């Protein structure tokens, strides 16, 4: 079977029309149509519904497209692996990291790659795990370090659980809220509250703790998926930062930030994992990411004892 014809089929599926797909693969529309018809003749099955304004797969087409995506993924992986084997340390790696893992892992990982694998080209994306998952499926990135709650729900990826990170509320040292005898939702909402995109589970836990006013869409006034930015804002204003505690470990140890006492809740933890498409084999570059992440996670997930709680 000619894999080029399979790529033509995927182009039609992903661009929606034969005309747009033809432009994308640098063919005339009649030439692309002939390629699809030749594939249908070879497979003895109609792959697209005829007459629809936009290309719509038949049941046979859905099956062929699914297998074609796997073939394309393996072909790209083969090329990457061959590049690495030819040069020893050549090739590329594109990774996505959710806000908390990015704040904890991204700088040391890039430093590690620069020192240990200087000829591998590394590209990074940061953002909400749900958005990164779409990039993974479209093959824009090779792997994700992100929210295990979100990743676990996807049945087309291979997930390796990394562990948990305690979450809480943090502020600058000397913040007025630290003098409060009783912490309630009114006391918190008296100040700006900053956070990244929160999972639905964490959102439900906040509502259970403080009621409907603690729903993320009501509570969070400063939303940003760059935790380094939010940490700087919390250090220089009265903004309260809600998120994993590990990202402010150094500032709290130095006395520049403090954890705001909250009622203890063993469930108030983020769960994270590293994932790739289920059909994807581990290249040497991906092996480096996995090995580094496993080793580094033990350090970043260790929250010193004695974190603040309110009984």
Protein backbone atom coordinates (compact mmCIF):
# COMPACT_ATOMS: atom_id res chain seq x y z
CA UNK A 1 0.00 0.00 0.00
CA UNK A 2 1.28 3.45 -0.95
CA UNK A 3 1.66 5.43 2.28
CA UNK A 4 1.49 8.67 0.27
CA UNK A 5 -2.14 7.94 -0.52
CA UNK A 6 -2.80 7.47 3.20
CA UNK A 7 -1.24 10.86 3.87
CA UNK A 8 -3.50 12.36 1.21
CA UNK A 9 -6.50 10.86 3.00
CA UNK A 10 -5.38 12.39 6.31
CA UNK A 11 -4.91 15.76 4.62
CA UNK A 12 -8.53 15.70 3.48
CA UNK A 13 -9.72 14.69 6.96
CA UNK A 14 -7.66 17.36 8.73
CA UNK A 15 -8.36 20.23 6.30
CA UNK A 16 -12.03 19.44 5.80
CA UNK A 17 -12.28 19.82 2.03
CA UNK A 18 -10.50 18.41 -1.00
CA UNK A 19 -9.57 21.88 -2.24
CA UNK A 20 -7.90 22.93 1.03
CA UNK A 21 -6.19 19.55 1.36
CA UNK A 22 -4.87 19.79 -2.20
CA UNK A 23 -3.26 23.14 -1.43
CA UNK A 24 -1.72 21.73 1.75
CA UNK A 25 -0.08 18.78 -0.05
CA UNK A 26 0.83 20.85 -3.14
CA UNK A 27 -1.38 18.96 -5.60
CA UNK A 28 -4.17 20.02 -7.89
CA UNK A 29 -7.61 19.04 -6.65
CA UNK A 30 -8.16 16.55 -9.53
CA UNK A 31 -4.81 14.89 -8.73
CA UNK A 32 -5.74 14.57 -5.06
CA UNK A 33 -9.16 13.15 -5.96
CA UNK A 34 -7.46 10.56 -8.21
CA UNK A 35 -5.17 9.57 -5.34
CA UNK A 36 -8.14 9.03 -3.01
CA UNK A 37 -10.05 7.06 -5.66
CA UNK A 38 -6.99 4.88 -6.26
CA UNK A 39 -6.81 4.17 -2.52
CA UNK A 40 -10.52 3.28 -2.47
CA UNK A 41 -10.03 0.96 -5.43
CA UNK A 42 -7.09 -0.70 -3.72
CA UNK A 43 -9.00 -1.19 -0.47
CA UNK A 44 -12.28 -1.99 -2.25
CA UNK A 45 -14.13 0.39 0.06
CA UNK A 46 -15.65 3.87 -0.19
CA UNK A 47 -13.79 6.12 2.26
CA UNK A 48 -15.72 9.40 1.96
CA UNK A 49 -19.43 10.16 1.69
CA UNK A 50 -20.02 11.70 -1.70
CA UNK A 51 -22.03 14.90 -2.03
CA UNK A 52 -21.35 16.40 1.41
CA UNK A 53 -20.12 20.00 1.45
CA UNK A 54 -17.23 19.02 3.70
CA UNK A 55 -15.34 15.75 3.52
CA UNK A 56 -16.99 13.19 5.78
CA UNK A 57 -15.55 9.73 6.39
CA UNK A 58 -17.56 6.56 6.01
CA UNK A 59 -17.25 3.80 8.60
CA UNK A 60 -14.55 2.26 6.39
CA UNK A 61 -12.86 5.64 6.14
CA UNK A 62 -12.80 6.07 9.92
CA UNK A 63 -10.96 2.76 10.28
CA UNK A 64 -8.46 3.57 7.54
CA UNK A 65 -7.83 7.09 8.92
CA UNK A 66 -7.14 5.71 12.39
CA UNK A 67 -4.56 3.26 11.04
CA UNK A 68 -3.10 5.94 8.76
CA UNK A 69 -2.45 8.19 11.75
CA UNK A 70 -0.53 5.37 13.44
CA UNK A 71 1.51 4.76 10.30
CA UNK A 72 2.32 8.48 10.01
CA UNK A 73 3.32 8.63 13.67
CA UNK A 74 5.63 5.62 13.35
CA UNK A 75 7.16 6.97 10.13
CA UNK A 76 8.01 10.28 11.82
CA UNK A 77 9.36 8.45 14.85
CA UNK A 78 11.50 6.25 12.62
CA UNK A 79 13.02 9.30 10.97
CA UNK A 80 13.76 10.88 14.37
CA UNK A 81 15.36 7.69 15.66
CA UNK A 82 17.46 7.28 12.53
CA UNK A 83 18.68 10.87 12.87
CA UNK A 84 19.72 10.14 16.44
CA UNK A 85 21.50 6.91 15.52
CA UNK A 86 23.33 8.47 12.57
CA UNK A 87 24.66 11.39 14.55
CA UNK A 88 24.63 9.86 18.00
CA UNK A 89 23.18 13.03 19.47
CA UNK A 90 21.08 14.65 16.77
CA UNK A 91 17.36 15.00 16.30
CA UNK A 92 14.56 16.91 17.96
CA UNK A 93 12.20 16.72 20.91
CA UNK A 94 9.01 18.73 21.47
CA UNK A 95 7.47 18.59 24.93
CA UNK A 96 4.49 20.14 26.67
CA UNK A 97 4.35 20.95 30.37
CA UNK A 98 1.44 22.06 32.51
CA UNK A 99 2.09 25.15 34.70
CA UNK A 100 3.23 23.42 37.90
CA UNK A 101 5.60 20.91 36.23
CA UNK A 102 6.92 23.72 34.00
CA UNK A 103 7.74 25.90 37.02
CA UNK A 104 9.51 23.00 38.72
CA UNK A 105 11.13 21.06 35.87
CA UNK A 106 11.51 23.14 32.73
CA UNK A 107 14.60 25.20 33.58
CA UNK A 108 16.59 22.25 35.02
CA UNK A 109 15.52 20.04 32.11
CA UNK A 110 16.68 22.52 29.49
CA UNK A 111 19.95 22.97 31.38
CA UNK A 112 20.35 19.18 31.48
CA UNK A 113 19.73 18.86 27.73
CA UNK A 114 22.13 21.71 26.94
CA UNK A 115 24.87 19.99 28.91
CA UNK A 116 24.21 16.29 28.29
CA UNK A 117 22.64 16.35 24.79
CA UNK A 118 23.70 19.64 23.18
CA UNK A 119 22.87 18.58 19.61
CA UNK A 120 19.26 17.60 20.27
CA UNK A 121 16.87 20.40 19.34
CA UNK A 122 14.34 20.92 22.12
CA UNK A 123 11.09 22.86 21.74
CA UNK A 124 8.72 23.45 24.65
CA UNK A 125 5.07 24.36 25.04
CA UNK A 126 3.37 25.31 28.32
CA UNK A 127 -0.31 25.56 29.13
CA UNK A 128 -3.33 23.70 30.44
CA UNK A 129 -3.06 19.92 30.15
CA UNK A 130 -6.27 19.70 28.09
CA UNK A 131 -4.80 22.04 25.45
CA UNK A 132 -1.48 20.19 25.44
CA UNK A 133 -3.34 16.91 24.94
CA UNK A 134 -4.75 18.20 21.68
CA UNK A 135 -1.24 19.16 20.56
CA UNK A 136 -0.05 15.66 21.45
CA UNK A 137 -2.79 14.10 19.35
CA UNK A 138 -1.96 16.34 16.40
CA UNK A 139 1.72 15.36 16.77
CA UNK A 140 2.81 18.94 17.45
CA UNK A 141 4.52 17.68 20.62
CA UNK A 142 6.02 14.32 21.56
CA UNK A 143 5.12 14.08 25.26
CA UNK A 144 3.31 15.87 28.10
CA UNK A 145 4.14 16.32 31.76
CA UNK A 146 0.77 17.35 33.12
CA UNK A 147 -2.35 16.86 35.21
CA UNK A 148 -2.95 13.13 35.71
CA UNK A 149 -6.67 13.77 36.33
CA UNK A 150 -6.99 14.97 32.73
CA UNK A 151 -4.54 12.53 31.17
CA UNK A 152 -6.09 9.50 32.86
CA UNK A 153 -9.37 10.13 31.04
CA UNK A 154 -7.71 9.81 27.61
CA UNK A 155 -7.74 6.26 26.22
CA UNK A 156 -5.31 6.90 23.35
CA UNK A 157 -2.24 7.76 25.42
CA UNK A 158 0.23 5.86 27.59
CA UNK A 159 0.39 7.49 31.04
CA UNK A 160 3.09 7.01 33.64
CA UNK A 161 2.07 8.44 37.01
CA UNK A 162 4.69 10.63 38.67
CA UNK A 163 3.06 11.42 42.01
CA UNK A 164 1.32 14.14 43.94
CA UNK A 165 2.07 17.74 44.90
CA UNK A 166 0.47 19.40 47.92
CA UNK A 167 -1.61 22.47 47.08
CA UNK A 168 -2.36 25.49 49.19
CA UNK A 169 -2.60 29.26 49.49
CA UNK A 170 0.58 31.36 49.64
CA UNK A 171 1.20 35.08 50.15
CA UNK A 172 4.06 37.51 50.71
CA UNK A 173 5.61 37.71 54.15
CA UNK A 174 3.81 40.26 56.33
CA UNK A 175 0.53 39.97 54.42
CA UNK A 176 -2.47 41.17 56.51
CA UNK A 177 -4.29 37.87 56.04
CA UNK A 178 -1.66 36.10 58.15
CA UNK A 179 -2.97 38.02 61.20
CA UNK A 180 -6.50 36.69 60.74
CA UNK A 181 -7.66 34.39 63.53
CA UNK A 182 -10.32 32.83 61.31
CA UNK A 183 -9.88 32.23 57.62
CA UNK A 184 -13.09 32.22 55.58
CA UNK A 185 -14.09 32.99 52.03
CA UNK A 186 -14.80 36.65 52.86
CA UNK A 187 -11.27 37.10 54.18
CA UNK A 188 -9.78 35.53 51.07
CA UNK A 189 -11.94 37.44 48.60
CA UNK A 190 -10.83 40.72 50.17
CA UNK A 191 -7.64 40.26 48.13
CA UNK A 192 -6.81 39.32 44.54
CA UNK A 193 -6.43 35.55 44.13
CA UNK A 194 -4.11 34.21 41.43
CA UNK A 195 -3.92 30.72 39.99
CA UNK A 196 -3.40 28.66 36.88
CA UNK A 197 -6.07 26.52 35.20
CA UNK A 198 -7.42 24.27 37.97
CA UNK A 199 -8.71 20.75 37.48
CA UNK A 200 -12.43 20.13 37.99
CA UNK A 201 -11.61 18.02 41.05
CA UNK A 202 -9.70 20.82 42.78
CA UNK A 203 -12.52 23.21 41.90
CA UNK A 204 -15.06 20.91 43.58
CA UNK A 205 -12.90 20.64 46.69
CA UNK A 206 -12.73 24.44 47.02
CA UNK A 207 -16.53 24.62 46.80
CA UNK A 208 -16.86 21.91 49.46
CA UNK A 209 -14.51 23.87 51.72
CA UNK A 210 -15.89 27.41 51.34
CA UNK A 211 -19.13 27.18 49.39
CA UNK A 212 -20.19 28.40 45.91
CA UNK A 213 -18.22 31.65 46.22
CA UNK A 214 -15.03 29.57 46.11
CA UNK A 215 -15.76 28.21 42.63
CA UNK A 216 -12.68 28.97 40.51
CA UNK A 217 -14.60 31.20 38.08
CA UNK A 218 -15.62 33.38 41.04
CA UNK A 219 -12.59 33.07 43.29
CA UNK A 220 -9.72 33.49 40.83
CA UNK A 221 -9.20 37.11 39.77
CA UNK A 222 -5.76 36.72 38.15
CA UNK A 223 -5.46 33.74 35.82
CA UNK A 224 -2.16 32.89 34.14
CA UNK A 225 -0.56 29.57 33.19
CA UNK A 226 2.92 30.93 33.91
CA UNK A 227 3.55 30.30 37.60
CA UNK A 228 6.82 32.23 37.59
CA UNK A 229 4.81 35.33 36.69
CA UNK A 230 2.18 34.68 39.38
CA UNK A 231 4.87 34.04 41.99
CA UNK A 232 6.43 37.43 41.22
CA UNK A 233 3.03 39.14 41.46
CA UNK A 234 2.34 37.53 44.85
CA UNK A 235 5.77 38.59 46.12
CA UNK A 236 5.23 42.26 45.29
CA UNK A 237 1.48 42.77 45.97
CA UNK A 238 -1.26 41.56 48.33
CA UNK A 239 -2.26 38.90 45.80
CA UNK A 240 -2.85 35.40 47.23
CA UNK A 241 -1.43 32.58 45.12
CA UNK A 242 -3.30 29.27 45.03
CA UNK A 243 -1.42 26.31 43.64
CA UNK A 244 1.14 23.63 44.42
CA UNK A 245 3.32 24.58 47.38
CA UNK A 246 6.57 23.28 45.91
CA UNK A 247 6.91 26.21 43.52
CA UNK A 248 7.38 28.63 46.46
CA UNK A 249 9.58 26.37 48.59
CA UNK A 250 12.64 28.59 48.26
CA UNK A 251 10.77 31.85 48.94
CA UNK A 252 9.13 30.37 52.03
CA UNK A 253 12.43 28.97 53.29
CA UNK A 254 13.98 32.42 52.91
CA UNK A 255 11.07 34.06 54.77
CA UNK A 256 9.89 36.07 51.77
CA UNK A 257 6.61 34.18 51.44
CA UNK A 258 4.35 32.24 53.80
CA UNK A 259 1.66 29.60 53.52
CA UNK A 260 -1.79 30.85 54.50
CA UNK A 261 -3.26 28.41 57.07
CA UNK A 262 -6.16 26.43 55.58
CA UNK A 263 -8.28 23.63 57.06
CA UNK A 264 -6.36 20.38 56.52
CA UNK A 265 -7.53 18.23 53.60
CA UNK A 266 -5.52 15.24 52.43
CA UNK A 267 -7.24 15.48 49.03
CA UNK A 268 -5.87 18.96 48.33
CA UNK A 269 -3.11 17.68 46.12
CA UNK A 270 -2.37 17.88 42.43
CA UNK A 271 -1.63 14.59 40.68
CA UNK A 272 0.77 14.56 37.76
CA UNK A 273 2.08 12.20 35.14
CA UNK A 274 4.09 11.97 31.94
CA UNK A 275 2.34 10.79 28.78
CA UNK A 276 2.87 10.04 25.12
CA UNK A 277 0.62 8.63 22.42
CA UNK A 278 -0.02 4.93 23.02
CA UNK A 279 1.36 4.03 19.58
CA UNK A 280 4.56 5.99 20.16
CA UNK A 281 7.81 4.17 20.89
CA UNK A 282 10.44 5.77 23.11
CA UNK A 283 13.19 7.44 21.10
CA UNK A 284 16.54 8.17 22.78
CA UNK A 285 15.45 11.81 23.16
CA UNK A 286 12.18 10.79 24.82
CA UNK A 287 14.10 8.36 27.04
CA UNK A 288 16.14 11.34 28.24
CA UNK A 289 12.97 13.25 29.14
CA UNK A 290 11.46 10.28 30.99
CA UNK A 291 14.65 9.48 32.91
CA UNK A 292 15.22 13.11 33.91
CA UNK A 293 11.60 13.63 34.97
CA UNK A 294 11.49 10.48 37.10
CA UNK A 295 14.69 11.42 38.92
CA UNK A 296 13.84 15.10 39.37
CA UNK A 297 10.31 14.47 40.60
CA UNK A 298 11.54 12.96 43.86
CA UNK A 299 13.19 16.27 44.69
CA UNK A 300 10.48 18.69 43.58
CA UNK A 301 7.65 16.74 45.23
CA UNK A 302 9.23 16.75 48.70
CA UNK A 303 7.36 19.38 50.74
CA UNK A 304 9.01 20.01 54.14
CA UNK A 305 7.04 18.96 57.18
CA UNK A 306 5.27 21.59 59.21
CA UNK A 307 3.36 23.31 56.42
CA UNK A 308 0.66 25.59 57.70
CA UNK A 309 -2.78 24.25 58.59
CA UNK A 310 -5.64 25.67 60.59
CA UNK A 311 -7.47 23.31 62.93
